[in-house]
């Protein structure tokens, strides 16, 4: 049975889906020595933490290093390629979540959330309420987006349709 090594525990649904593909093992630690040792007999590595390049040196069974998310920044692609290991990711899988976080942070900054929260807790409602005089709403403002990949498109959609923002964007193409 194939060994599937994941650097982190996976969602129960993902674990269930992988049950037919092999035996899932979770790395006991994320340091280079442990990852190298535990990947030695793995067929697939699911990546949610940076892999050391030396992981690919002696992992003769290893056929794939799959990033659990977008991007390949956690996989030393050159080392994997030299070892004949397929490298893959799941593009755009977390675009909505990242876009929602962008809007969350935008609101928190615009509304001075941390200062308001601190004053509400320490000095009461009136102290917190006083901040409303120096904050404003998002609606009608303009947001600029650099890059219209999956995240940029999701931010633009939420900004325009959820917050009534004017959206301007630029992309390489």
C-alpha atoms as a PDB file:
ATOM      1  CA  UNK A   1       0.000   0.000   0.000  1.00  0.00           C
ATOM      2  CA  UNK A   2       1.292   3.469  -0.890  1.00  0.00           C
ATOM      3  CA  UNK A   3       2.503   5.743   1.881  1.00  0.00           C
ATOM      4  CA  UNK A   4       1.161   9.280   1.696  1.00  0.00           C
ATOM      5  CA  UNK A   5       3.061  11.580   4.044  1.00  0.00           C
ATOM      6  CA  UNK A   6       1.470  14.889   4.968  1.00  0.00           C
ATOM      7  CA  UNK A   7       3.349  17.579   6.821  1.00  0.00           C
ATOM      8  CA  UNK A   8       0.137  18.425   8.720  1.00  0.00           C
ATOM      9  CA  UNK A   9      -3.144  16.762   9.648  1.00  0.00           C
ATOM     10  CA  UNK A  10      -5.767  17.092   6.936  1.00  0.00           C
ATOM     11  CA  UNK A  11      -9.475  17.813   7.097  1.00  0.00           C
ATOM     12  CA  UNK A  12     -11.443  14.615   7.873  1.00  0.00           C
ATOM     13  CA  UNK A  13     -13.065  14.693   4.425  1.00  0.00           C
ATOM     14  CA  UNK A  14      -9.663  14.832   2.730  1.00  0.00           C
ATOM     15  CA  UNK A  15      -8.393  12.028   4.955  1.00  0.00           C
ATOM     16  CA  UNK A  16     -11.390   9.915   4.000  1.00  0.00           C
ATOM     17  CA  UNK A  17     -10.873  10.621   0.287  1.00  0.00           C
ATOM     18  CA  UNK A  18      -7.241   9.520   0.509  1.00  0.00           C
ATOM     19  CA  UNK A  19      -8.062   6.262   2.311  1.00  0.00           C
ATOM     20  CA  UNK A  20      -8.438   4.378  -0.954  1.00  0.00           C
ATOM     21  CA  UNK A  21      -5.215   5.784  -2.389  1.00  0.00           C
ATOM     22  CA  UNK A  22      -2.859   4.701   0.374  1.00  0.00           C
ATOM     23  CA  UNK A  23      -1.898   4.869   4.022  1.00  0.00           C
ATOM     24  CA  UNK A  24      -1.828   8.450   5.289  1.00  0.00           C
ATOM     25  CA  UNK A  25       0.927   9.334   7.744  1.00  0.00           C
ATOM     26  CA  UNK A  26       1.349  12.716   9.416  1.00  0.00           C
ATOM     27  CA  UNK A  27       4.889  13.999   9.947  1.00  0.00           C
ATOM     28  CA  UNK A  28       5.853  13.823  13.601  1.00  0.00           C
ATOM     29  CA  UNK A  29       7.835  17.084  13.340  1.00  0.00           C
ATOM     30  CA  UNK A  30       8.676  19.669  10.693  1.00  0.00           C
ATOM     31  CA  UNK A  31      12.446  19.896  11.082  1.00  0.00           C
ATOM     32  CA  UNK A  32      14.548  18.829   8.095  1.00  0.00           C
ATOM     33  CA  UNK A  33      15.950  15.679   9.709  1.00  0.00           C
ATOM     34  CA  UNK A  34      12.508  14.328  10.633  1.00  0.00           C
ATOM     35  CA  UNK A  35      10.943  15.151   7.267  1.00  0.00           C
ATOM     36  CA  UNK A  36      13.806  13.501   5.382  1.00  0.00           C
ATOM     37  CA  UNK A  37      13.600  10.360   7.534  1.00  0.00           C
ATOM     38  CA  UNK A  38       9.826  10.056   7.371  1.00  0.00           C
ATOM     39  CA  UNK A  39       9.682  10.688   3.613  1.00  0.00           C
ATOM     40  CA  UNK A  40      12.296   8.013   2.874  1.00  0.00           C
ATOM     41  CA  UNK A  41       9.619   5.379   2.126  1.00  0.00           C
ATOM     42  CA  UNK A  42       6.828   7.735   1.037  1.00  0.00           C
ATOM     43  CA  UNK A  43       5.246   7.611  -2.399  1.00  0.00           C
ATOM     44  CA  UNK A  44       3.555  11.009  -2.118  1.00  0.00           C
ATOM     45  CA  UNK A  45       4.199  14.021   0.116  1.00  0.00           C
ATOM     46  CA  UNK A  46       1.398  16.484   0.807  1.00  0.00           C
ATOM     47  CA  UNK A  47       3.050  19.801   1.543  1.00  0.00           C
ATOM     48  CA  UNK A  48       1.857  22.418   4.030  1.00  0.00           C
ATOM     49  CA  UNK A  49       5.317  23.334   5.366  1.00  0.00           C
ATOM     50  CA  UNK A  50       8.648  23.978   3.650  1.00  0.00           C
ATOM     51  CA  UNK A  51      10.409  20.825   2.471  1.00  0.00           C
ATOM     52  CA  UNK A  52      14.188  20.606   2.677  1.00  0.00           C
ATOM     53  CA  UNK A  53      15.888  19.940  -0.684  1.00  0.00           C
ATOM     54  CA  UNK A  54      17.664  16.893   0.765  1.00  0.00           C
ATOM     55  CA  UNK A  55      14.289  15.191   1.221  1.00  0.00           C
ATOM     56  CA  UNK A  56      14.447  14.237  -2.457  1.00  0.00           C
ATOM     57  CA  UNK A  57      17.951  12.717  -2.330  1.00  0.00           C
ATOM     58  CA  UNK A  58      17.146   9.279  -0.913  1.00  0.00           C
ATOM     59  CA  UNK A  59      13.391   9.019  -1.289  1.00  0.00           C
ATOM     60  CA  UNK A  60      13.462   6.469  -4.101  1.00  0.00           C
ATOM     61  CA  UNK A  61       9.722   5.680  -3.946  1.00  0.00           C
ATOM     62  CA  UNK A  62       8.686   9.327  -3.994  1.00  0.00           C
ATOM     63  CA  UNK A  63       6.642  10.126  -7.093  1.00  0.00           C
ATOM     64  CA  UNK A  64       4.861  13.380  -6.181  1.00  0.00           C
ATOM     65  CA  UNK A  65       5.139  16.410  -3.902  1.00  0.00           C
ATOM     66  CA  UNK A  66       1.760  18.088  -3.876  1.00  0.00           C
ATOM     67  CA  UNK A  67       1.253  21.496  -2.309  1.00  0.00           C
ATOM     68  CA  UNK A  68      -1.918  21.556  -0.224  1.00  0.00           C
ATOM     69  CA  UNK A  69      -2.821  25.024  -1.469  1.00  0.00           C
ATOM     70  CA  UNK A  70      -1.729  27.492  -4.096  1.00  0.00           C
ATOM     71  CA  UNK A  71       1.854  28.312  -4.912  1.00  0.00           C
ATOM     72  CA  UNK A  72       4.974  26.188  -4.942  1.00  0.00           C
ATOM     73  CA  UNK A  73       7.062  28.222  -2.525  1.00  0.00           C
ATOM     74  CA  UNK A  74       7.297  25.378   0.015  1.00  0.00           C
ATOM     75  CA  UNK A  75       8.658  22.835  -2.464  1.00  0.00           C
ATOM     76  CA  UNK A  76      12.267  23.001  -3.709  1.00  0.00           C
ATOM     77  CA  UNK A  77      11.219  22.479  -7.314  1.00  0.00           C
ATOM     78  CA  UNK A  78      14.754  22.066  -8.696  1.00  0.00           C
ATOM     79  CA  UNK A  79      15.575  19.286  -6.216  1.00  0.00           C
ATOM     80  CA  UNK A  80      12.255  17.565  -6.905  1.00  0.00           C
ATOM     81  CA  UNK A  81      12.724  17.811 -10.669  1.00  0.00           C
ATOM     82  CA  UNK A  82      16.273  16.440 -10.459  1.00  0.00           C
ATOM     83  CA  UNK A  83      14.895  13.452  -8.516  1.00  0.00           C
ATOM     84  CA  UNK A  84      12.129  12.884 -11.086  1.00  0.00           C
ATOM     85  CA  UNK A  85       9.396  13.826  -8.630  1.00  0.00           C
ATOM     86  CA  UNK A  86       6.208  15.407  -9.967  1.00  0.00           C
ATOM     87  CA  UNK A  87       5.426  18.763  -8.357  1.00  0.00           C
ATOM     88  CA  UNK A  88       1.849  19.987  -8.225  1.00  0.00           C
ATOM     89  CA  UNK A  89      -0.387  22.389  -6.372  1.00  0.00           C
ATOM     90  CA  UNK A  90      -4.054  23.315  -6.185  1.00  0.00           C
ATOM     91  CA  UNK A  91      -4.267  26.718  -7.884  1.00  0.00           C
ATOM     92  CA  UNK A  92      -6.933  29.118  -6.664  1.00  0.00           C
ATOM     93  CA  UNK A  93      -8.127  26.712  -3.972  1.00  0.00           C
ATOM     94  CA  UNK A  94      -7.939  29.359  -1.244  1.00  0.00           C
ATOM     95  CA  UNK A  95      -8.588  32.448  -3.369  1.00  0.00           C
ATOM     96  CA  UNK A  96     -11.966  33.180  -1.770  1.00  0.00           C
ATOM     97  CA  UNK A  97     -10.548  32.784   1.735  1.00  0.00           C
ATOM     98  CA  UNK A  98      -7.626  35.107   0.965  1.00  0.00           C
ATOM     99  CA  UNK A  99      -9.963  37.637  -0.653  1.00  0.00           C
ATOM    100  CA  UNK A 100     -12.231  37.594   2.399  1.00  0.00           C
ATOM    101  CA  UNK A 101      -9.185  38.162   4.597  1.00  0.00           C
ATOM    102  CA  UNK A 102      -8.195  41.139   2.428  1.00  0.00           C
ATOM    103  CA  UNK A 103     -11.627  42.663   3.006  1.00  0.00           C
ATOM    104  CA  UNK A 104     -11.487  41.845   6.733  1.00  0.00           C
ATOM    105  CA  UNK A 105      -8.138  43.615   7.116  1.00  0.00           C
ATOM    106  CA  UNK A 106      -9.368  46.530   4.995  1.00  0.00           C
ATOM    107  CA  UNK A 107     -12.365  46.989   7.277  1.00  0.00           C
ATOM    108  CA  UNK A 108     -10.261  46.591  10.413  1.00  0.00           C
ATOM    109  CA  UNK A 109      -7.849  49.299   9.246  1.00  0.00           C
ATOM    110  CA  UNK A 110     -10.489  51.675   7.938  1.00  0.00           C
ATOM    111  CA  UNK A 111     -12.606  51.374  11.082  1.00  0.00           C
ATOM    112  CA  UNK A 112      -9.568  51.359  13.416  1.00  0.00           C
ATOM    113  CA  UNK A 113     -10.811  48.116  14.928  1.00  0.00           C
ATOM    114  CA  UNK A 114      -7.946  47.458  17.365  1.00  0.00           C
ATOM    115  CA  UNK A 115      -8.061  50.944  18.879  1.00  0.00           C
ATOM    116  CA  UNK A 116     -11.860  50.930  19.085  1.00  0.00           C
ATOM    117  CA  UNK A 117     -11.853  47.463  20.664  1.00  0.00           C
ATOM    118  CA  UNK A 118      -9.198  48.491  23.192  1.00  0.00           C
ATOM    119  CA  UNK A 119     -11.079  51.624  24.180  1.00  0.00           C
ATOM    120  CA  UNK A 120     -14.430  49.815  24.410  1.00  0.00           C
ATOM    121  CA  UNK A 121     -12.952  47.241  26.760  1.00  0.00           C
ATOM    122  CA  UNK A 122     -10.903  49.654  28.863  1.00  0.00           C
ATOM    123  CA  UNK A 123     -13.057  52.789  28.996  1.00  0.00           C
ATOM    124  CA  UNK A 124     -16.562  51.777  27.916  1.00  0.00           C
ATOM    125  CA  UNK A 125     -19.042  52.430  25.135  1.00  0.00           C
ATOM    126  CA  UNK A 126     -18.672  56.193  24.875  1.00  0.00           C
ATOM    127  CA  UNK A 127     -14.898  56.017  24.490  1.00  0.00           C
ATOM    128  CA  UNK A 128     -15.256  53.413  21.764  1.00  0.00           C
ATOM    129  CA  UNK A 129     -18.102  55.279  20.106  1.00  0.00           C
ATOM    130  CA  UNK A 130     -16.008  58.451  19.878  1.00  0.00           C
ATOM    131  CA  UNK A 131     -13.884  56.782  17.170  1.00  0.00           C
ATOM    132  CA  UNK A 132     -16.849  56.801  14.792  1.00  0.00           C
ATOM    133  CA  UNK A 133     -16.186  60.503  14.267  1.00  0.00           C
ATOM    134  CA  UNK A 134     -12.872  59.751  12.570  1.00  0.00           C
ATOM    135  CA  UNK A 135     -13.704  56.621  10.568  1.00  0.00           C
ATOM    136  CA  UNK A 136     -15.689  56.110   7.395  1.00  0.00           C
ATOM    137  CA  UNK A 137     -17.547  53.499   5.388  1.00  0.00           C
ATOM    138  CA  UNK A 138     -16.147  51.495   2.502  1.00  0.00           C
ATOM    139  CA  UNK A 139     -19.070  52.080   0.152  1.00  0.00           C
ATOM    140  CA  UNK A 140     -18.225  54.462  -2.661  1.00  0.00           C
ATOM    141  CA  UNK A 141     -14.474  54.333  -2.114  1.00  0.00           C
ATOM    142  CA  UNK A 142     -12.044  52.998  -4.708  1.00  0.00           C
ATOM    143  CA  UNK A 143      -9.886  49.912  -4.265  1.00  0.00           C
ATOM    144  CA  UNK A 144      -6.865  49.237  -6.437  1.00  0.00           C
ATOM    145  CA  UNK A 145      -5.929  45.665  -7.231  1.00  0.00           C
ATOM    146  CA  UNK A 146      -2.529  44.730  -8.608  1.00  0.00           C
ATOM    147  CA  UNK A 147      -2.864  41.423 -10.434  1.00  0.00           C
ATOM    148  CA  UNK A 148      -6.042  39.725 -11.561  1.00  0.00           C
ATOM    149  CA  UNK A 149      -5.304  36.118 -10.788  1.00  0.00           C
ATOM    150  CA  UNK A 150      -7.767  34.089  -8.766  1.00  0.00           C
ATOM    151  CA  UNK A 151      -7.255  36.165  -5.611  1.00  0.00           C
ATOM    152  CA  UNK A 152      -7.400  39.513  -7.412  1.00  0.00           C
ATOM    153  CA  UNK A 153     -10.609  38.524  -9.178  1.00  0.00           C
ATOM    154  CA  UNK A 154     -12.188  37.344  -5.923  1.00  0.00           C
ATOM    155  CA  UNK A 155     -11.216  40.581  -4.150  1.00  0.00           C
ATOM    156  CA  UNK A 156     -12.660  42.598  -7.031  1.00  0.00           C
ATOM    157  CA  UNK A 157     -15.925  40.666  -6.958  1.00  0.00           C
ATOM    158  CA  UNK A 158     -16.379  40.968  -3.183  1.00  0.00           C
ATOM    159  CA  UNK A 159     -15.340  44.627  -3.218  1.00  0.00           C
ATOM    160  CA  UNK A 160     -17.715  45.597  -6.025  1.00  0.00           C
ATOM    161  CA  UNK A 161     -20.697  43.412  -5.184  1.00  0.00           C
ATOM    162  CA  UNK A 162     -20.376  43.098  -1.420  1.00  0.00           C
ATOM    163  CA  UNK A 163     -19.146  46.537  -0.421  1.00  0.00           C
ATOM    164  CA  UNK A 164     -20.121  48.751  -3.369  1.00  0.00           C
ATOM    165  CA  UNK A 165     -16.540  49.799  -4.014  1.00  0.00           C
ATOM    166  CA  UNK A 166     -15.207  51.169  -7.262  1.00  0.00           C
ATOM    167  CA  UNK A 167     -12.593  48.695  -8.484  1.00  0.00           C
ATOM    168  CA  UNK A 168      -9.539  49.582 -10.537  1.00  0.00           C
ATOM    169  CA  UNK A 169      -7.038  46.899 -11.417  1.00  0.00           C
ATOM    170  CA  UNK A 170      -3.908  46.232 -13.357  1.00  0.00           C
ATOM    171  CA  UNK A 171      -2.342  43.045 -14.624  1.00  0.00           C
ATOM    172  CA  UNK A 172       0.818  42.129 -16.513  1.00  0.00           C
ATOM    173  CA  UNK A 173      -1.180  41.302 -19.600  1.00  0.00           C
END
